[in-house]
Protein backbone atom coordinates (compact mmCIF):
# COMPACT_ATOMS: atom_id res chain seq x y z
CA MET A 1 -0.12 0.10 -0.03
CA GLU A 2 1.84 3.20 -1.29
CA PRO A 3 1.85 5.79 2.13
CA HIS A 4 -0.18 8.75 1.44
CA LYS A 5 1.15 11.66 -0.18
CA LYS A 6 0.18 15.54 0.92
CA GLY A 7 -0.12 17.55 -2.26
CA PRO A 8 1.98 20.59 -2.35
CA ARG A 9 0.72 23.62 -1.14
CA THR A 10 -0.11 26.59 -4.05
CA THR A 11 0.12 30.14 -3.40
CA LEU A 12 -3.09 32.27 -4.76
CA ALA A 13 -0.30 33.77 -7.41
CA ALA A 14 0.57 30.14 -8.17
CA ARG A 15 -3.20 29.35 -8.59
CA ALA A 16 -3.47 32.32 -11.33
CA ARG A 17 -0.35 31.58 -13.09
CA ASP A 18 -1.98 28.03 -13.46
CA ALA A 19 -4.74 29.28 -14.90
CA GLY A 20 -2.58 31.10 -17.51
CA LEU A 21 -2.96 34.94 -16.53
CA GLU A 22 0.76 35.71 -15.91
CA PRO A 23 1.32 36.98 -19.50
CA ALA A 24 -1.57 39.68 -18.81
CA ALA A 25 -0.74 40.52 -14.86
CA LEU A 26 3.34 41.15 -16.81
CA GLN A 27 1.69 43.20 -19.45
CA LEU A 28 -0.35 44.99 -16.87
CA LEU A 29 2.42 45.78 -14.53
CA HIS A 30 5.20 47.14 -17.25
CA GLY A 31 2.52 48.85 -19.35
CA THR A 32 3.73 46.70 -22.63
CA ALA A 33 0.10 46.35 -23.96
CA ARG A 34 -3.07 47.79 -23.12
CA CYS A 35 -5.15 44.85 -21.29
CA GLN A 36 -9.27 44.05 -20.39
CA PRO A 37 -9.67 41.65 -17.89
CA ALA A 38 -13.06 41.09 -19.42
CA ALA A 39 -11.38 39.80 -22.54
CA LEU A 40 -9.78 37.07 -20.42
CA ILE A 41 -13.11 35.55 -19.13
CA GLN A 42 -13.20 31.88 -19.91
CA PRO A 43 -16.73 30.05 -18.61
CA GLY A 44 -16.12 26.69 -17.03
CA GLN A 45 -12.14 27.19 -16.48
CA GLU A 46 -11.10 27.65 -12.79
CA GLY A 47 -10.08 30.76 -11.67
CA ARG A 48 -11.13 32.57 -15.37
CA SER A 49 -14.58 31.97 -15.03
CA THR A 50 -16.09 35.51 -13.61
CA LEU A 51 -14.80 39.14 -13.83
CA GLU A 52 -14.34 39.00 -10.18
CA GLN A 53 -11.91 35.76 -10.68
CA ILE A 54 -9.67 37.13 -13.46
CA GLN A 55 -9.14 40.73 -11.58
CA THR A 56 -8.31 38.70 -8.08
CA GLY A 57 -6.10 36.50 -9.97
CA LEU A 58 -4.40 39.29 -12.18
CA ILE A 59 -3.73 40.87 -8.82
CA ASN A 60 -2.21 38.10 -7.00
CA ILE A 61 0.56 37.83 -9.55
CA ILE A 62 1.21 41.10 -9.55
CA CYS A 63 1.53 41.63 -5.52
CA ASP A 64 3.63 38.55 -6.04
CA VAL A 65 6.15 40.02 -8.43
CA ILE A 66 6.16 43.32 -6.35
CA SER A 67 6.62 41.42 -3.24
CA LYS A 68 9.78 40.05 -4.54
CA ASP A 69 11.29 43.23 -6.24
CA VAL A 70 14.91 43.74 -5.05
CA THR A 71 14.61 47.35 -5.63
CA ILE A 72 11.23 47.18 -3.09
CA GLN A 73 12.81 44.65 -0.82
CA GLN A 74 15.53 47.26 -0.27
CA GLU A 75 13.25 50.12 0.17
CA VAL A 76 11.72 48.00 3.06
CA VAL A 77 14.66 47.32 4.61
CA ARG A 78 15.07 51.56 4.71
CA MET A 79 11.37 51.81 6.00
CA ALA A 80 12.27 49.91 9.17
CA SER A 81 14.52 52.88 10.69
CA HIS A 82 11.45 55.44 10.46
CA PRO A 83 11.59 57.20 13.61
CA GLY A 84 7.49 56.95 13.29
CA ILE A 85 7.33 53.50 14.31
CA GLN A 86 5.85 52.56 17.66
CA LEU A 87 6.05 49.40 19.77
CA VAL A 88 2.72 49.05 21.22
CA THR A 89 1.51 46.19 23.59
CA LYS A 90 -1.86 45.16 25.33
CA GLN A 91 -2.65 43.19 27.91
CA LYS A 92 -4.45 39.50 27.17
CA ALA A 93 -7.86 39.08 27.88
CA ALA A 94 -8.13 36.16 30.59
CA SER A 95 -9.87 32.92 28.75
CA LYS A 96 -10.47 29.11 30.03
CA SER A 97 -6.77 28.57 28.62
CA GLN A 98 -5.12 31.13 29.77
CA PRO A 99 -6.50 32.18 33.06
CA ALA A 100 -5.72 35.89 34.10
CA PRO A 101 -2.01 35.68 36.13
CA ALA A 102 -1.44 35.76 39.63
CA ASP A 103 -0.68 39.39 41.12
CA ASP A 104 2.79 38.50 42.53
CA GLN A 105 3.44 37.48 38.74
CA ALA A 106 1.93 40.71 36.68
CA TYR A 107 3.24 43.26 39.03
CA LYS A 108 6.82 42.27 37.16
CA TYR A 109 5.35 43.44 33.86
CA LYS A 110 2.52 46.00 35.50
CA ASN A 111 4.46 48.86 33.18
CA TYR A 112 4.32 46.66 29.86
CA LEU A 113 0.47 46.12 29.79
CA SER A 114 -0.22 49.11 28.34
CA PHE A 115 3.04 50.14 26.48
CA ARG A 116 3.58 52.60 23.37
CA LYS A 117 6.81 54.25 22.29
CA PRO A 118 8.83 55.02 19.51
CA ILE A 119 11.18 52.02 18.60
CA ARG A 120 14.21 54.72 18.84
CA TRP A 121 13.55 55.20 22.35
CA VAL A 122 12.72 51.59 23.17
CA ARG A 123 15.45 50.70 26.11
CA SER A 124 17.03 47.24 25.99
CA PHE A 125 15.47 46.15 29.56
CA GLU A 126 11.90 47.73 28.49
CA TYR A 127 12.28 45.19 25.35
CA LEU A 128 13.68 41.88 27.10
CA ALA A 129 11.00 42.46 29.60
CA ILE A 130 8.20 42.74 27.03
CA CYS A 131 9.65 39.45 24.92
CA ARG A 132 9.22 38.03 28.91
CA ALA A 133 5.63 39.06 29.40
CA GLU A 134 4.76 38.13 25.83
CA GLU A 135 6.46 34.77 26.10
CA GLN A 136 3.93 34.01 28.99
CA LYS A 137 1.13 34.98 27.00
CA TYR A 138 0.77 38.14 29.49
CA ILE A 139 0.48 40.89 26.49
CA THR A 140 0.06 40.96 22.75
CA VAL A 141 2.53 43.10 20.86
CA ARG A 142 2.34 44.66 17.63
CA LEU A 143 4.20 47.54 15.36
CA GLU A 144 1.91 50.63 14.63
CA LEU A 145 3.43 51.87 11.80
CA PRO A 146 2.72 56.13 10.67
CA ASP A 147 0.86 56.65 7.62
CA GLU A 148 3.84 57.81 5.78
CA LEU A 149 5.08 55.04 5.29
CA ARG A 150 2.13 53.53 3.46
CA TYR A 151 2.23 56.84 1.11
CA ARG A 152 6.23 56.47 1.02
CA PHE A 153 5.53 52.42 -0.33
CA ARG A 154 3.13 53.60 -2.94
CA ASP A 155 5.04 56.42 -4.33
CA HIS A 156 8.15 54.35 -4.56
CA CYS A 157 5.86 51.35 -6.28
CA GLY A 158 4.63 54.24 -8.28
CA HIS A 159 7.87 55.38 -9.19
CA ARG A 160 9.10 51.68 -9.86
CA PHE A 161 6.36 50.54 -12.27
CA LEU A 162 4.16 53.33 -13.36
CA SER A 163 7.04 55.96 -14.51
CA SER A 164 7.28 53.88 -18.12
CA GLY A 165 5.08 52.23 -20.03
CA MET A 166 1.40 52.89 -21.21
CA ARG A 167 -1.04 54.60 -18.96
CA ASP A 168 -4.61 53.99 -18.71
CA ALA A 169 -7.31 53.61 -16.39
CA VAL A 170 -7.30 49.99 -15.92
CA ARG A 171 -3.78 49.63 -15.17
CA GLU A 172 -3.49 52.29 -12.67
CA SER A 173 -6.42 50.71 -10.75
CA MET A 174 -5.04 47.32 -10.57
CA LEU A 175 -1.57 48.62 -9.69
CA GLU A 176 -3.08 50.60 -6.84
CA ARG A 177 -5.02 47.91 -5.73
CA ALA A 178 -2.21 45.30 -5.83
CA VAL A 179 0.11 47.96 -4.07
CA GLY A 180 -1.96 48.24 -1.16
CA ASP A 181 -2.41 44.90 -0.68
CA VAL A 182 1.35 44.40 -0.73
CA PHE A 183 1.76 46.73 1.82
CA SER A 184 -1.13 45.31 4.28
CA LYS A 185 -0.33 41.50 3.68
CA SER A 186 3.46 41.45 2.90
CA VAL A 187 5.39 44.82 3.92
CA THR A 188 3.79 45.20 7.65
CA ARG A 189 4.72 41.58 8.57
CA GLN A 190 8.05 42.28 7.08
CA LEU A 191 8.81 45.34 8.79
CA GLU A 192 7.29 43.58 12.17
CA ARG A 193 10.02 41.16 11.86
CA GLN A 194 12.56 43.08 10.76
CA VAL A 195 12.37 45.66 13.24
CA ARG A 196 11.62 43.16 16.15
CA SER A 197 14.81 41.36 15.25
CA SER A 198 16.88 44.43 15.74
CA LEU A 199 15.63 45.34 19.14
CA LYS A 200 16.09 41.87 20.14
CA GLU A 201 19.69 41.65 18.13
CA ALA A 202 20.58 45.21 20.22
CA ALA A 203 18.73 44.60 23.51
CA GLU A 204 20.69 41.13 23.99
CA ARG A 205 23.97 42.73 22.72
CA GLU A 206 23.81 45.36 25.25
CA ALA A 207 22.80 42.70 27.91
CA LEU A 208 26.22 40.68 27.44
CA LEU A 209 28.12 43.87 27.47
CA VAL A 210 26.58 44.96 30.91
CA SER A 211 27.12 41.13 32.41
CA ALA A 212 30.93 41.15 30.85
CA GLN A 213 31.33 44.46 32.78
CA GLY A 214 29.92 43.45 35.69
CA GLU A 215 32.22 40.48 36.26
CA ILE A 216 33.39 40.30 39.77
CA LEU A 217 37.06 41.11 39.30
CA GLN A 218 38.18 41.05 42.80
CA THR A 219 36.83 41.46 46.49
CA ALA A 220 38.62 42.64 49.61
CA VAL A 221 37.46 43.87 53.07
CA LEU A 222 39.62 47.01 53.50
CA GLN A 223 40.07 48.57 57.00
CA PRO A 224 40.73 52.50 56.27
CA ARG A 225 42.43 54.63 59.18
CA LEU A 226 40.03 57.30 58.71
CA ALA A 227 42.39 59.77 60.94
CA ALA A 228 45.43 58.96 59.16
CA ARG A 229 46.72 62.29 57.53
CA TRP A 230 49.84 62.72 55.13
CA PRO A 231 52.22 61.56 55.07
CA HIS A 232 51.36 58.61 57.18
CA VAL A 233 49.24 57.08 54.32
CA SER A 234 51.87 54.91 52.80
CA SER A 235 51.58 52.82 56.37
CA ASP A 236 48.09 52.30 55.80
CA ALA A 237 47.45 49.01 54.87
CA ALA A 238 43.95 49.60 53.22
CA ALA A 239 45.23 52.67 51.12
CA VAL A 240 47.91 50.25 49.60
CA GLN A 241 45.44 47.81 49.06
CA LEU A 242 43.21 49.92 47.67
CA ARG A 243 45.85 51.40 45.30
CA GLU A 244 46.69 48.26 43.42
CA MET A 245 43.33 47.19 42.96
CA VAL A 246 42.60 50.50 40.78
CA GLN A 247 45.97 49.90 39.03
CA ARG A 248 45.57 46.38 38.61
CA HIS A 249 41.81 46.28 37.20
CA SER A 250 42.31 50.20 35.62
CA VAL A 251 39.91 51.77 37.28
CA THR A 252 38.22 54.64 36.31
CA LEU A 253 35.19 54.99 38.62
CA LEU A 254 34.79 54.56 42.42
CA GLY A 255 31.51 54.52 43.97
CA VAL A 256 31.06 55.21 47.77
CA GLY A 257 27.78 53.72 49.11
CA ASN A 258 26.01 56.02 51.34
CA GLY A 259 25.19 54.19 54.24
CA THR A 260 27.32 54.17 57.69
CA ALA A 261 30.40 56.34 57.91
CA CYS A 262 29.88 57.19 54.18
CA ARG A 263 30.87 61.01 54.67
CA GLU A 264 34.12 59.73 56.34
CA THR A 265 34.81 56.99 53.79
CA TRP A 266 34.04 59.29 51.17
CA GLN A 267 36.51 61.90 52.62
CA TYR A 268 39.53 59.31 53.01
CA VAL A 269 38.67 58.27 49.37
CA ALA A 270 38.57 62.03 48.13
CA GLU A 271 42.16 62.35 49.86
CA LEU A 272 43.93 59.45 48.59
CA ASN A 273 42.18 60.16 44.71
CA GLY A 274 42.73 64.35 45.20
CA ALA A 275 46.46 63.64 45.83
CA GLY A 276 47.03 61.28 43.21
CA TRP A 277 47.75 58.39 45.27
CA LEU A 278 45.48 55.99 43.84
CA ALA A 279 46.21 56.73 40.18
CA GLY A 280 48.16 58.68 37.71
CA SER A 281 45.59 61.21 37.32
CA PRO A 282 42.30 61.86 39.37
CA LEU A 283 39.27 59.42 39.20
CA ASP A 284 36.05 60.19 39.19
CA VAL A 285 34.07 59.43 42.65
CA THR A 286 30.56 59.28 43.02
CA LEU A 287 28.14 58.48 45.90
CA VAL A 288 25.72 55.39 45.07
CA ASP A 289 22.21 55.13 47.09
CA GLU A 290 22.53 51.82 49.10
CA GLY A 291 18.48 51.65 49.22
CA GLY A 292 17.18 47.82 49.09
CA ALA A 293 20.70 46.57 48.57
CA SER A 294 21.18 44.65 52.08
CA GLU A 295 17.85 43.27 51.67
CA TYR A 296 18.41 41.97 47.92
CA SER A 297 21.95 40.52 49.12
CA THR A 298 19.98 38.03 51.77
CA THR A 299 17.32 37.12 48.75
CA LYS A 300 17.06 33.82 46.90
CA ALA A 301 17.67 35.46 43.77
CA ALA A 302 20.66 36.99 44.81
CA ALA A 303 22.23 33.40 46.36
CA ASP A 304 21.37 32.22 42.69
CA GLU A 305 23.23 34.63 40.98
CA MET A 306 26.25 35.16 43.47
CA PRO A 307 26.11 31.75 45.93
CA GLU A 308 29.96 31.41 46.35
CA LEU A 309 29.73 35.19 47.95
CA ASP A 310 28.79 36.42 51.70
CA CYS A 311 25.91 38.77 51.87
CA SER A 312 27.58 41.89 52.73
CA VAL A 313 30.04 41.06 49.43
CA ARG A 314 26.49 40.54 47.48
CA SER A 315 25.56 44.37 48.47
CA ALA A 316 28.91 45.30 47.24
CA VAL A 317 28.57 44.16 43.93
CA SER A 318 25.20 45.65 43.91
CA LEU A 319 25.90 49.26 44.64
CA ALA A 320 29.06 48.67 41.88
CA ARG A 321 26.67 47.21 39.34
CA ARG A 322 24.02 49.88 39.71
CA LEU A 323 26.88 52.44 38.33
CA GLN A 324 26.71 50.67 35.31
CA ASP A 325 23.17 49.84 34.65
CA PRO A 326 20.97 51.05 37.22
CA ILE A 327 17.94 49.96 36.33
CA SER A 328 18.67 46.45 35.50
CA GLU A 329 19.84 46.32 39.10
CA TYR A 330 17.19 47.99 40.83
CA VAL A 331 14.77 45.33 39.04
CA LYS A 332 16.07 42.84 41.31
CA LEU A 333 14.58 44.54 44.22
CA ILE A 334 11.05 43.15 45.95
CA ARG A 335 8.39 45.12 45.48
CA PHE A 336 8.80 46.35 49.44
CA CYS A 337 12.51 47.23 49.39
CA LEU A 338 11.59 49.19 46.04
CA PHE A 339 8.65 50.81 47.80
CA LEU A 340 10.80 52.02 50.65
CA PHE A 341 13.59 53.17 48.25
CA LEU A 342 11.44 54.99 46.15
CA THR A 343 9.91 56.54 49.04
CA VAL A 344 12.98 58.06 50.62
CA VAL A 345 14.68 59.39 47.42
CA PHE A 346 11.23 61.18 46.54
């Protein structure tokens, strides 16, 4: 017994070509001869028995040719960088197959349940969070294209195909319908794939860069002599150790937590830095808000991320990473700690 063979899937354009409409469609597209669709009717033949079938078949072939044209594809690639394209999200309605998410899960995506922003202003952490929410079926994501792109595509196709050949009402009408169909059915999907692919690539590249920069190079417990003054600094083991770390890793920025004894620590670091003790030229020194760092260091997420480190060291690592990418670090905080942090700051 022969195995069951599934017939090949054919496109609408392929069916129209099988009906013998390709020569007339190419005449319409390039204007090499006048074409009257009514004259192509052949009663009883599939795809050509009515005027509506003839017109639909001609348009399907023209759409297929336009969508595969190299210059048209190049124009679509350029259109993907248009600043008016917006990324839009919408919360998915609950259903039997997809119940509403629990509050402790949905809060993570609260900012993305109804999100709208031009693609050029979408941050990497925002897009990665949107992708996670979409994957977990909390939201739907789409691109909103400005009308200018539709007009731009229409004008480009008109210049490409209507600038030469015979001009008549039938040809212009058929091409206008075909161009509209190509934009709504093909170009919009192509733009969405291209834009979203570019956003994801950029977001993942930036996330990888931050991860590489956030590597733990060295940890140490320093016990500085805060009351020490020059010229006795060379006998201060903490100062010597700090200088070695700065020079070994080519440090350019120092962060001081704003917790206990931060004023004394800041004065100590500023004194070493201003005198050129740490590096050949003064480094940048800044205060880092410690809000939520100690609470985060005791969470399961912190233990999974840095299992080999003590809680106090995890807090220091969190502060250092806040200098590199604050948002990515702050989103790790649990809601309660983040609320307290925002309350204190604002």
